[in-house]
N, C-alpha and C. Protein backbone atom coordinates (compact mmCIF):
# COMPACT_ATOMS: atom_id res chain seq x y z
N MET A 1 1.20 -1.06 -0.18
CA MET A 1 0.06 -0.12 -0.18
C MET A 1 1.06 1.04 -0.38
N PRO A 2 0.54 2.28 -0.93
CA PRO A 2 1.70 3.28 -0.88
C PRO A 2 1.63 4.11 0.42
N GLY A 3 0.68 4.94 0.93
CA GLY A 3 0.95 5.71 2.22
C GLY A 3 1.34 4.56 3.48
N GLN A 4 2.79 4.78 4.04
CA GLN A 4 3.11 4.30 5.22
C GLN A 4 3.66 4.90 6.07
N GLY A 5 3.43 4.50 7.78
CA GLY A 5 3.82 4.92 8.58
C GLY A 5 3.80 4.40 9.93
N LEU A 6 4.32 5.21 11.21
CA LEU A 6 4.04 4.79 12.21
C LEU A 6 1.98 5.10 12.82
N ALA A 7 1.82 5.95 12.21
CA ALA A 7 0.54 6.61 12.85
C ALA A 7 0.09 7.48 11.73
N GLY A 8 -1.68 7.67 11.85
CA GLY A 8 -2.46 7.97 10.82
C GLY A 8 -3.73 8.23 11.49
N PRO A 9 -4.73 8.84 10.60
CA PRO A 9 -6.01 8.67 10.96
C PRO A 9 -6.75 7.45 11.10
N ALA A 10 -6.44 6.10 10.67
CA ALA A 10 -6.61 5.01 11.07
C ALA A 10 -6.47 4.68 12.11
N THR A 11 -4.72 4.53 12.62
CA THR A 11 -4.58 4.29 13.79
C THR A 11 -5.19 4.89 14.57
N ASP A 12 -5.06 6.10 14.63
CA ASP A 12 -5.61 7.06 15.73
C ASP A 12 -7.14 6.55 16.12
N GLN A 13 -7.87 6.11 15.55
CA GLN A 13 -9.62 6.30 15.38
C GLN A 13 -9.09 4.68 16.09
N VAL A 14 -8.48 3.49 15.36
CA VAL A 14 -8.33 2.44 16.49
C VAL A 14 -7.85 2.19 17.68
N LYS A 15 -7.09 3.10 17.94
CA LYS A 15 -6.55 3.30 19.31
C LYS A 15 -7.49 4.19 20.40
N GLY A 16 -8.19 5.00 19.60
CA GLY A 16 -9.23 5.72 20.41
C GLY A 16 -10.37 4.46 20.88
N THR A 17 -10.84 3.54 19.79
CA THR A 17 -11.79 2.49 20.42
C THR A 17 -10.93 1.68 21.14
N VAL A 18 -9.73 0.83 21.25
CA VAL A 18 -9.11 -0.04 21.98
C VAL A 18 -8.94 0.91 23.20
N ASP A 19 -8.41 2.41 23.52
CA ASP A 19 -8.53 2.74 25.07
C ASP A 19 -10.05 2.67 25.44
N GLN A 20 -11.11 3.02 24.75
CA GLN A 20 -12.35 2.83 25.27
C GLN A 20 -12.62 1.55 25.73
N VAL A 21 -12.50 0.70 25.24
CA VAL A 21 -12.70 -1.04 25.43
C VAL A 21 -11.94 -0.99 26.56
N LEU A 22 -10.41 -0.72 26.93
CA LEU A 22 -9.39 -0.69 28.20
C LEU A 22 -10.40 -0.35 29.16
N GLU A 23 -10.45 1.16 28.66
CA GLU A 23 -11.49 2.11 30.02
C GLU A 23 -12.53 1.41 30.75
N ILE A 24 -13.06 0.87 29.60
CA ILE A 24 -14.35 -0.29 30.45
C ILE A 24 -13.66 -1.28 31.00
N LEU A 25 -13.10 -1.87 30.60
CA LEU A 25 -12.53 -3.52 30.71
C LEU A 25 -11.82 -3.13 32.55
N THR A 26 -11.37 -2.10 32.95
CA THR A 26 -10.36 -1.51 33.67
C THR A 26 -11.16 -0.84 34.79
N ASP A 27 -12.35 -0.23 34.40
CA ASP A 27 -13.28 0.29 35.38
C ASP A 27 -13.73 -0.55 36.46
N PRO A 28 -13.22 -0.17 37.61
CA PRO A 28 -13.43 -1.09 38.73
C PRO A 28 -14.92 -0.80 39.29
N THR A 29 -15.88 0.19 38.88
CA THR A 29 -17.21 -0.34 39.10
C THR A 29 -18.07 -1.03 38.06
N LEU A 30 -17.38 -1.45 37.14
CA LEU A 30 -17.93 -2.23 36.51
C LEU A 30 -17.51 -3.91 36.27
N LYS A 31 -16.40 -3.95 37.21
CA LYS A 31 -15.94 -5.14 37.63
C LYS A 31 -17.18 -6.35 38.49
N ASP A 32 -17.66 -5.87 38.99
CA ASP A 32 -18.77 -6.58 39.68
C ASP A 32 -19.56 -7.42 38.92
N ASP A 33 -19.97 -8.74 39.17
CA ASP A 33 -20.29 -9.73 38.39
C ASP A 33 -22.00 -9.17 38.44
N ARG A 34 -22.32 -8.34 39.15
CA ARG A 34 -23.66 -7.82 39.07
C ARG A 34 -23.70 -6.65 37.83
N ARG A 35 -22.68 -6.70 37.39
CA ARG A 35 -22.63 -5.10 36.31
C ARG A 35 -22.26 -5.89 34.98
N THR A 36 -21.95 -7.05 35.17
CA THR A 36 -22.09 -7.59 33.73
C THR A 36 -22.60 -7.12 32.63
N LYS A 37 -23.94 -7.42 32.68
CA LYS A 37 -24.96 -6.75 31.51
C LYS A 37 -24.41 -5.65 30.82
N GLU A 38 -24.44 -4.69 31.85
CA GLU A 38 -24.17 -3.01 31.77
C GLU A 38 -22.87 -3.22 31.40
N ARG A 39 -21.69 -3.68 31.82
CA ARG A 39 -20.28 -3.83 31.13
C ARG A 39 -20.29 -4.12 29.51
N ARG A 40 -21.10 -5.08 28.98
CA ARG A 40 -21.35 -5.94 27.97
C ARG A 40 -21.69 -4.91 27.16
N ALA A 41 -22.83 -4.49 27.57
CA ALA A 41 -23.54 -3.42 26.90
C ALA A 41 -22.54 -2.19 26.22
N LYS A 42 -21.86 -1.79 26.97
CA LYS A 42 -20.97 -0.53 26.56
C LYS A 42 -19.85 -1.13 25.88
N LEU A 43 -19.25 -2.52 26.37
CA LEU A 43 -18.46 -2.76 25.41
C LEU A 43 -18.98 -3.07 23.75
N ARG A 44 -19.95 -3.89 23.81
CA ARG A 44 -20.76 -3.71 22.34
C ARG A 44 -21.04 -2.49 21.74
N GLN A 45 -21.46 -1.40 22.56
CA GLN A 45 -21.76 -0.49 21.80
C GLN A 45 -20.54 0.22 21.38
N THR A 46 -19.08 0.38 22.17
CA THR A 46 -17.91 0.70 21.84
C THR A 46 -17.43 0.34 20.30
N VAL A 47 -17.90 -1.19 20.24
CA VAL A 47 -17.28 -1.88 19.03
C VAL A 47 -18.11 -1.62 18.17
N LEU A 48 -19.43 -1.43 18.21
CA LEU A 48 -20.26 -0.79 17.00
C LEU A 48 -19.99 0.13 16.16
N GLU A 49 -19.58 1.07 17.09
CA GLU A 49 -18.86 2.24 16.69
C GLU A 49 -17.97 2.08 15.80
N ARG A 50 -17.08 1.13 15.60
CA ARG A 50 -15.64 1.11 14.90
C ARG A 50 -16.02 0.17 13.59
N PHE A 51 -16.31 -1.18 14.17
CA PHE A 51 -16.40 -1.99 13.21
C PHE A 51 -17.83 -1.79 12.48
N ASP A 52 -17.52 -2.36 10.90
CA ASP A 52 -18.43 -2.29 10.25
C ASP A 52 -19.02 -3.93 10.08
N PHE A 53 -20.13 -4.22 10.44
CA PHE A 53 -20.46 -5.90 10.55
C PHE A 53 -21.27 -5.83 9.51
N SER A 54 -21.73 -5.15 9.00
CA SER A 54 -22.21 -5.63 7.50
C SER A 54 -21.70 -5.76 6.49
N GLU A 55 -20.45 -4.72 6.46
CA GLU A 55 -19.31 -5.13 5.34
C GLU A 55 -18.50 -6.54 5.97
N MET A 56 -18.26 -6.54 7.06
CA MET A 56 -17.70 -8.17 7.46
C MET A 56 -18.87 -9.17 6.66
N SER A 57 -20.06 -8.63 7.08
CA SER A 57 -20.93 -10.06 7.07
C SER A 57 -20.90 -10.46 5.44
N LYS A 58 -20.83 -8.97 4.64
CA LYS A 58 -20.81 -9.45 3.02
C LYS A 58 -19.83 -9.96 2.81
N ARG A 59 -18.60 -9.78 3.34
CA ARG A 59 -16.90 -10.30 3.07
C ARG A 59 -17.41 -11.67 3.03
N SER A 60 -17.63 -12.35 4.32
CA SER A 60 -17.53 -13.41 5.12
C SER A 60 -18.47 -14.42 4.11
N MET A 61 -19.39 -13.55 3.54
CA MET A 61 -20.54 -14.98 2.85
C MET A 61 -19.95 -14.98 1.38
N GLY A 62 -18.74 -13.64 1.25
CA GLY A 62 -18.45 -13.83 -0.39
C GLY A 62 -19.32 -13.97 -1.74
N GLN A 63 -19.24 -14.72 -2.48
CA GLN A 63 -20.21 -14.91 -3.83
C GLN A 63 -21.43 -15.19 -2.92
N HIS A 64 -21.67 -15.73 -2.18
CA HIS A 64 -23.21 -16.13 -1.52
C HIS A 64 -24.15 -14.92 -1.42
N TRP A 65 -23.42 -13.84 -0.93
CA TRP A 65 -23.95 -12.60 -0.44
C TRP A 65 -25.14 -12.14 -1.38
N LYS A 66 -24.58 -12.11 -2.88
CA LYS A 66 -25.67 -11.57 -4.02
C LYS A 66 -26.52 -12.29 -4.13
N GLU A 67 -26.78 -13.63 -3.76
CA GLU A 67 -27.79 -14.66 -3.55
C GLU A 67 -28.78 -14.47 -2.73
N ARG A 68 -28.31 -13.58 -1.40
CA ARG A 68 -29.26 -13.59 -0.38
C ARG A 68 -30.32 -12.10 -0.99
N SER A 69 -31.59 -12.16 -0.14
CA SER A 69 -32.61 -11.21 -0.07
C SER A 69 -32.14 -9.94 0.31
N PRO A 70 -32.78 -8.86 0.67
CA PRO A 70 -32.96 -7.93 1.48
C PRO A 70 -32.57 -8.32 2.70
N GLU A 71 -33.88 -9.36 3.15
CA GLU A 71 -34.18 -9.55 4.23
C GLU A 71 -33.07 -10.57 4.94
N GLU A 72 -32.71 -11.99 4.00
CA GLU A 72 -31.88 -12.51 4.48
C GLU A 72 -30.74 -12.06 5.46
N ARG A 73 -29.96 -11.04 4.12
CA ARG A 73 -29.24 -10.03 4.71
C ARG A 73 -29.02 -9.70 5.93
N THR A 74 -30.16 -8.76 6.23
CA THR A 74 -30.35 -8.17 7.39
C THR A 74 -30.59 -9.04 8.61
N GLU A 75 -30.87 -10.41 7.97
CA GLU A 75 -30.58 -11.24 9.66
C GLU A 75 -29.34 -12.14 9.45
N PHE A 76 -28.84 -12.05 8.35
CA PHE A 76 -27.47 -12.92 8.36
C PHE A 76 -26.31 -11.74 9.17
N VAL A 77 -26.36 -10.28 9.17
CA VAL A 77 -25.78 -9.44 9.44
C VAL A 77 -26.12 -9.55 11.20
N GLY A 78 -27.19 -9.35 11.55
CA GLY A 78 -27.64 -9.51 13.22
C GLY A 78 -27.05 -10.75 13.73
N LEU A 79 -27.17 -11.97 12.97
CA LEU A 79 -26.66 -12.70 13.62
C LEU A 79 -24.90 -13.26 13.53
N PHE A 80 -24.51 -12.71 12.62
CA PHE A 80 -22.95 -12.85 12.35
C PHE A 80 -22.49 -11.83 13.52
N THR A 81 -23.34 -10.75 13.87
CA THR A 81 -22.71 -9.79 15.22
C THR A 81 -22.49 -10.23 15.91
N ASP A 82 -23.88 -10.70 16.42
CA ASP A 82 -24.11 -11.71 17.54
C ASP A 82 -22.79 -12.86 17.72
N LEU A 83 -22.75 -13.61 16.77
CA LEU A 83 -21.82 -15.04 16.72
C LEU A 83 -20.53 -13.99 17.26
N LEU A 84 -19.84 -13.11 16.64
CA LEU A 84 -18.34 -12.33 16.85
C LEU A 84 -18.46 -11.82 18.03
N GLU A 85 -19.90 -11.37 18.53
CA GLU A 85 -19.92 -10.57 20.01
C GLU A 85 -19.73 -12.10 21.35
N ARG A 86 -20.54 -13.08 20.63
CA ARG A 86 -20.41 -14.28 21.62
C ARG A 86 -19.27 -15.14 21.70
N ALA A 87 -18.53 -14.86 20.53
CA ALA A 87 -16.80 -15.45 20.44
C ALA A 87 -15.81 -14.99 21.16
N TYR A 88 -15.94 -13.59 20.76
CA TYR A 88 -14.92 -12.85 21.38
C TYR A 88 -14.80 -12.03 22.80
N ILE A 89 -15.84 -12.07 23.24
CA ILE A 89 -16.41 -11.24 24.27
C ILE A 89 -15.81 -11.67 25.38
N ASP A 90 -15.77 -13.28 25.95
CA ASP A 90 -15.04 -13.69 27.21
C ASP A 90 -13.42 -13.33 27.03
N ARG A 91 -12.84 -13.21 25.79
CA ARG A 91 -11.37 -12.92 25.45
C ARG A 91 -11.07 -11.40 25.88
N VAL A 92 -11.78 -10.74 25.12
CA VAL A 92 -11.28 -9.47 25.26
C VAL A 92 -11.79 -9.15 27.04
N GLU A 93 -12.65 -9.62 27.74
CA GLU A 93 -13.07 -9.50 29.26
C GLU A 93 -11.97 -10.31 30.08
N GLY A 94 -11.16 -10.93 29.26
CA GLY A 94 -10.15 -11.56 30.12
C GLY A 94 -8.83 -10.78 29.85
N TYR A 95 -8.88 -9.34 29.73
CA TYR A 95 -7.58 -8.74 29.51
C TYR A 95 -7.42 -8.47 30.98
N THR A 96 -5.79 -8.61 31.09
CA THR A 96 -5.28 -8.55 32.31
C THR A 96 -3.92 -7.53 32.18
N GLY A 97 -4.19 -6.63 31.54
CA GLY A 97 -2.82 -5.57 31.15
C GLY A 97 -1.95 -5.85 30.35
N GLU A 98 -2.42 -6.58 29.55
CA GLU A 98 -1.01 -7.12 28.33
C GLU A 98 -0.97 -5.45 27.61
N GLN A 99 0.41 -5.23 27.14
CA GLN A 99 0.52 -4.07 26.39
C GLN A 99 0.14 -4.29 25.07
N ILE A 100 -0.30 -3.16 24.50
CA ILE A 100 -0.66 -3.54 22.84
C ILE A 100 0.25 -1.70 22.34
N VAL A 101 0.40 -2.47 21.24
CA VAL A 101 1.73 -1.78 20.64
C VAL A 101 1.02 -1.60 19.13
N TYR A 102 1.24 -0.14 18.60
CA TYR A 102 0.92 -0.04 16.98
C TYR A 102 2.40 0.15 16.60
N LEU A 103 1.98 -0.47 15.46
CA LEU A 103 3.45 -0.66 14.79
C LEU A 103 3.39 0.26 13.51
N GLU A 104 2.23 0.19 12.83
CA GLU A 104 2.44 1.07 11.59
C GLU A 104 1.21 0.98 10.91
N GLU A 105 0.74 1.86 10.18
CA GLU A 105 -0.17 2.03 9.07
C GLU A 105 0.24 2.23 7.68
N ARG A 106 -0.90 1.42 6.73
CA ARG A 106 -0.51 1.67 5.48
C ARG A 106 -1.68 2.01 4.78
N THR A 107 -1.97 3.12 4.07
CA THR A 107 -3.16 3.35 3.85
C THR A 107 -3.00 3.41 2.22
N ASP A 108 -3.82 3.22 1.68
CA ASP A 108 -4.10 3.47 -0.06
C ASP A 108 -5.38 3.63 -0.12
N GLY A 109 -5.90 5.27 -0.76
CA GLY A 109 -7.02 5.61 -0.96
C GLY A 109 -7.77 5.20 0.51
N ASN A 110 -9.16 4.81 0.28
CA ASN A 110 -10.12 4.83 1.08
C ASN A 110 -9.68 3.34 2.06
N TYR A 111 -8.57 2.33 2.09
CA TYR A 111 -8.37 1.18 2.74
C TYR A 111 -7.08 1.62 3.44
N SER A 112 -7.08 1.07 4.42
CA SER A 112 -5.92 1.38 5.47
C SER A 112 -5.82 -0.15 6.26
N GLU A 113 -4.23 -0.44 6.73
CA GLU A 113 -4.42 -1.40 7.41
C GLU A 113 -3.27 -1.23 8.63
N VAL A 114 -3.96 -0.95 10.09
CA VAL A 114 -3.26 -1.26 11.68
C VAL A 114 -2.52 -2.17 11.86
N ARG A 115 -1.53 -1.96 11.94
CA ARG A 115 -0.70 -3.59 12.57
C ARG A 115 -0.39 -2.88 13.95
N THR A 116 -0.53 -3.99 14.66
CA THR A 116 0.04 -3.81 16.19
C THR A 116 -0.07 -4.96 16.72
N LYS A 117 0.41 -5.10 17.78
CA LYS A 117 0.91 -6.64 18.68
C LYS A 117 0.44 -6.43 19.97
N ILE A 118 -0.28 -7.26 20.64
CA ILE A 118 -0.23 -7.75 21.68
C ILE A 118 0.95 -8.35 22.65
N VAL A 119 1.53 -7.59 23.51
CA VAL A 119 2.77 -8.14 24.26
C VAL A 119 2.14 -8.71 25.41
N THR A 120 2.17 -10.12 25.64
CA THR A 120 1.51 -10.77 26.83
C THR A 120 2.59 -11.14 28.12
N LYS A 121 2.08 -11.21 29.54
CA LYS A 121 3.01 -10.77 30.67
C LYS A 121 4.22 -12.15 30.20
N ARG A 122 4.03 -12.93 29.71
CA ARG A 122 5.52 -13.95 29.54
C ARG A 122 6.18 -13.15 28.32
N ASN A 123 5.63 -12.18 27.79
CA ASN A 123 6.50 -11.31 26.69
C ASN A 123 6.42 -12.20 25.62
N GLN A 124 5.34 -12.96 25.22
CA GLN A 124 5.34 -13.26 23.76
C GLN A 124 4.39 -12.15 23.03
N GLU A 125 4.60 -11.97 21.80
CA GLU A 125 4.17 -11.34 21.15
C GLU A 125 3.12 -11.92 19.74
N ILE A 126 1.61 -11.11 19.63
CA ILE A 126 0.33 -11.78 19.08
C ILE A 126 0.24 -10.29 18.06
N PRO A 127 0.89 -10.99 17.00
CA PRO A 127 0.33 -9.77 15.99
C PRO A 127 -1.34 -9.85 15.69
N ILE A 128 -1.81 -8.68 15.21
CA ILE A 128 -3.26 -8.26 15.13
C ILE A 128 -3.14 -7.32 14.31
N ALA A 129 -3.87 -7.28 12.73
CA ALA A 129 -3.85 -6.24 11.96
C ALA A 129 -5.38 -6.05 11.76
N TYR A 130 -5.98 -4.54 12.10
CA TYR A 130 -7.10 -4.06 11.47
C TYR A 130 -7.27 -3.61 10.21
N ARG A 131 -8.19 -4.37 9.45
CA ARG A 131 -8.28 -3.75 7.95
C ARG A 131 -9.30 -2.68 8.03
N LEU A 132 -9.18 -1.70 7.40
CA LEU A 132 -10.49 -0.58 7.82
C LEU A 132 -10.79 -0.05 6.38
N GLN A 133 -12.01 0.42 6.09
CA GLN A 133 -12.48 1.48 4.79
C GLN A 133 -13.22 2.87 5.59
N ARG A 134 -12.49 3.65 4.73
CA ARG A 134 -13.15 5.07 5.21
C ARG A 134 -13.99 5.50 4.37
N ALA A 135 -15.24 5.89 4.99
CA ALA A 135 -16.38 6.79 4.84
C ALA A 135 -16.22 8.17 5.14
N ASP A 136 -16.08 9.01 4.40
CA ASP A 136 -15.97 10.51 4.83
C ASP A 136 -14.57 10.10 5.94
N SER A 137 -14.83 10.79 6.80
CA SER A 137 -13.50 10.93 7.63
C SER A 137 -13.27 9.79 8.55
N LYS A 138 -14.46 8.44 8.74
CA LYS A 138 -14.49 7.87 9.50
C LYS A 138 -13.93 6.32 8.97
N TRP A 139 -13.29 5.54 9.81
CA TRP A 139 -12.53 4.67 9.51
C TRP A 139 -13.03 3.36 10.19
N SER A 140 -13.72 2.31 9.41
CA SER A 140 -14.59 1.37 9.82
C SER A 140 -14.09 -0.27 9.75
N VAL A 141 -13.66 -0.72 10.73
CA VAL A 141 -12.96 -1.89 10.53
C VAL A 141 -13.81 -3.01 9.84
N TYR A 142 -13.37 -3.67 8.77
CA TYR A 142 -13.75 -4.72 8.09
C TYR A 142 -13.28 -6.38 8.14
N ASP A 143 -12.26 -6.20 8.73
CA ASP A 143 -11.61 -7.58 8.96
C ASP A 143 -10.14 -7.59 9.94
N ILE A 144 -10.27 -8.54 10.82
CA ILE A 144 -8.79 -8.33 11.67
C ILE A 144 -8.63 -9.50 11.43
N VAL A 145 -7.07 -9.58 11.07
CA VAL A 145 -6.08 -10.40 10.91
C VAL A 145 -5.32 -10.94 12.20
N VAL A 146 -5.50 -12.09 13.05
CA VAL A 146 -4.62 -12.38 14.11
C VAL A 146 -3.60 -13.55 13.66
N GLU A 147 -2.52 -13.06 14.10
CA GLU A 147 -1.57 -14.04 14.09
C GLU A 147 -1.43 -14.86 12.24
N GLY A 148 -1.88 -13.79 11.48
CA GLY A 148 -2.02 -14.42 9.97
C GLY A 148 -3.01 -14.68 9.59
N VAL A 149 -3.96 -14.98 10.40
CA VAL A 149 -5.13 -15.72 9.80
C VAL A 149 -6.64 -14.63 9.95
N SER A 150 -7.07 -14.28 8.53
CA SER A 150 -7.90 -13.37 8.59
C SER A 150 -9.57 -13.93 9.12
N LEU A 151 -10.17 -13.29 10.13
CA LEU A 151 -11.57 -13.58 10.52
C LEU A 151 -12.41 -13.41 9.43
N VAL A 152 -12.51 -12.70 8.41
CA VAL A 152 -13.38 -12.53 7.25
C VAL A 152 -13.14 -14.22 6.26
N ASN A 153 -11.86 -14.04 6.19
CA ASN A 153 -11.63 -15.40 5.30
C ASN A 153 -11.49 -16.80 5.91
N ASN A 154 -11.34 -16.94 7.36
CA ASN A 154 -11.73 -17.90 8.02
C ASN A 154 -13.40 -18.28 8.27
N TYR A 155 -14.01 -17.72 8.09
CA TYR A 155 -15.58 -17.53 8.34
C TYR A 155 -16.19 -17.74 6.84
N ARG A 156 -15.46 -16.87 5.87
CA ARG A 156 -15.88 -17.38 4.60
C ARG A 156 -15.57 -18.58 4.10
N THR A 157 -14.49 -19.24 4.50
CA THR A 157 -14.44 -20.60 3.98
C THR A 157 -15.47 -21.88 4.68
N GLN A 158 -15.48 -21.41 5.99
CA GLN A 158 -16.71 -22.30 6.91
C GLN A 158 -18.41 -22.32 6.18
N PHE A 159 -18.72 -21.14 6.08
CA PHE A 159 -19.76 -20.44 5.37
C PHE A 159 -20.04 -21.22 3.82
N SER A 160 -19.20 -21.06 3.16
CA SER A 160 -18.97 -21.70 1.92
C SER A 160 -19.11 -22.80 1.94
N LYS A 161 -18.47 -23.69 2.38
CA LYS A 161 -18.44 -25.25 2.78
C LYS A 161 -20.15 -25.69 3.18
N ILE A 162 -20.64 -25.07 3.83
CA ILE A 162 -22.14 -25.18 4.46
C ILE A 162 -22.66 -25.03 3.80
N ILE A 163 -22.88 -23.98 2.81
CA ILE A 163 -23.92 -23.98 1.83
C ILE A 163 -23.83 -24.80 0.87
N ARG A 164 -22.61 -24.99 0.24
CA ARG A 164 -22.38 -25.63 -0.74
C ARG A 164 -22.46 -27.31 -0.39
N THR A 165 -22.38 -27.65 0.86
CA THR A 165 -22.83 -29.13 1.10
C THR A 165 -24.36 -28.92 1.99
N SER A 166 -24.90 -28.06 2.02
CA SER A 166 -26.16 -28.22 2.66
C SER A 166 -26.95 -27.05 2.30
N SER A 167 -27.28 -26.13 2.57
CA SER A 167 -27.96 -24.88 2.17
C SER A 167 -27.40 -23.64 3.16
N TYR A 168 -28.07 -22.35 2.76
CA TYR A 168 -27.76 -21.59 3.61
C TYR A 168 -28.67 -21.38 4.81
N ARG A 169 -30.00 -21.92 4.68
CA ARG A 169 -30.57 -22.14 5.92
C ARG A 169 -30.08 -22.80 6.96
N ASP A 170 -29.22 -23.61 6.60
CA ASP A 170 -28.87 -24.90 7.62
C ASP A 170 -27.35 -23.75 8.41
N LEU A 171 -26.97 -23.07 7.27
CA LEU A 171 -26.04 -22.23 7.68
C LEU A 171 -26.49 -21.31 9.11
N VAL A 172 -27.79 -20.76 8.93
CA VAL A 172 -28.46 -19.97 9.44
C VAL A 172 -28.92 -20.80 10.88
N LYS A 173 -29.27 -21.71 10.75
CA LYS A 173 -29.92 -22.73 11.76
C LYS A 173 -28.43 -22.94 12.89
N LYS A 174 -27.12 -23.42 12.12
CA LYS A 174 -25.84 -23.30 13.03
C LYS A 174 -25.40 -21.99 13.60
N MET A 175 -25.42 -20.98 12.91
CA MET A 175 -25.40 -20.09 13.45
C MET A 175 -25.92 -19.29 14.94
N GLN A 176 -27.45 -19.75 14.58
CA GLN A 176 -28.14 -19.66 15.42
C GLN A 176 -27.92 -20.57 16.86
N ALA A 177 -27.44 -21.92 16.59
CA ALA A 177 -27.52 -22.53 17.76
C ALA A 177 -25.93 -22.12 18.70
N LYS A 178 -24.88 -21.75 17.80
CA LYS A 178 -23.94 -21.27 18.12
C LYS A 178 -24.14 -19.96 19.25
N VAL A 179 -24.68 -18.98 18.79
CA VAL A 179 -24.95 -17.77 19.26
C VAL A 179 -26.15 -18.00 20.76
N GLU A 180 -26.67 -18.82 20.55
CA GLU A 180 -27.51 -19.59 21.51
C GLU A 180 -26.41 -20.63 22.51
N GLY A 181 -25.24 -20.59 22.28
CA GLY A 181 -24.65 -21.47 23.20
C GLY A 181 -24.24 -22.81 22.84
N GLU A 182 -25.28 -23.49 21.99
CA GLU A 182 -25.13 -25.00 21.99
C GLU A 182 -23.93 -25.06 20.83
N GLU A 183 -23.63 -26.24 20.60
CA GLU A 183 -22.25 -26.64 19.92
C GLU A 183 -22.56 -26.76 18.85
N ALA A 184 -21.71 -26.27 17.79
CA ALA A 184 -22.06 -26.06 16.65
C ALA A 184 -20.63 -26.46 15.65
N ALA A 185 -20.59 -27.71 15.45
CA ALA A 185 -18.73 -27.85 14.86
C ALA A 185 -18.23 -27.23 13.96
N GLU A 186 -19.43 -27.03 13.04
CA GLU A 186 -18.74 -26.92 11.61
C GLU A 186 -18.24 -25.30 12.03
N LEU A 187 -18.63 -24.25 12.79
CA LEU A 187 -18.17 -23.14 13.12
C LEU A 187 -17.36 -22.79 14.37
N SER A 188 -16.21 -22.27 13.85
CA SER A 188 -14.94 -22.38 14.74
C SER A 188 -14.73 -20.92 14.58
N THR A 189 -14.03 -20.32 15.43
CA THR A 189 -13.44 -19.02 15.75
C THR A 189 -12.36 -19.06 15.73
N PRO A 190 -11.39 -18.51 15.15
CA PRO A 190 -10.10 -18.59 15.18
C PRO A 190 -9.06 -18.15 16.72
N LYS A 191 -8.24 -18.90 16.70
CA LYS A 191 -8.15 -18.09 18.31
C LYS A 191 -6.39 -18.07 18.24
N PRO A 192 -5.73 -17.41 18.93
CA PRO A 192 -4.48 -17.09 19.15
C PRO A 192 -3.94 -18.53 19.41
N LYS A 193 -2.76 -18.46 19.56
CA LYS A 193 -2.45 -19.87 19.65
C LYS A 193 -2.08 -19.66 21.08
N VAL A 194 -1.97 -20.66 22.57
CA VAL A 194 -1.60 -20.02 23.76
C VAL A 194 -0.39 -19.93 23.83
N ARG A 195 0.03 -18.99 24.63
CA ARG A 195 0.99 -19.05 24.80
C ARG A 195 1.91 -18.87 26.37
């Protein structure tokens, strides 16, 4: 990508969102188990402001997106958003003071990639890249790459396989089961390696 540097507007916006999330996670008044719903609602709102779940959904469905009706697309975006929230909320809430380092930003027109790394307490580094697109002055995340694994590509592979071997309706049922806490072996969330 042509524009490359340590920081820029996309990095500033990602950092702002990450800082808000960390503020919520470290707020002593929200750590009480009786305030879990409130804490999670604040986390969800913060993430919804930065992440473009419609674009993530579209990219995760790949070629199958154009085959979906407007109603199916709306249903899918809601389910996919809930699926990601369920898959990642516990990990985010497991934050214990790991260091977040912003490495570089690469921008090409209305697209940018912000590269970061999380440094664990054991001094292990987990690379995370945020892929964003700009609308006006707002940068929105449409993909996250953790240790070289794209969240969107990972789900696209799984979704495409289920649709090809079964049906879109079957995919929706599996997603609903996963969101409701039932096991759906065909749907897995990429996880960083345990270090």
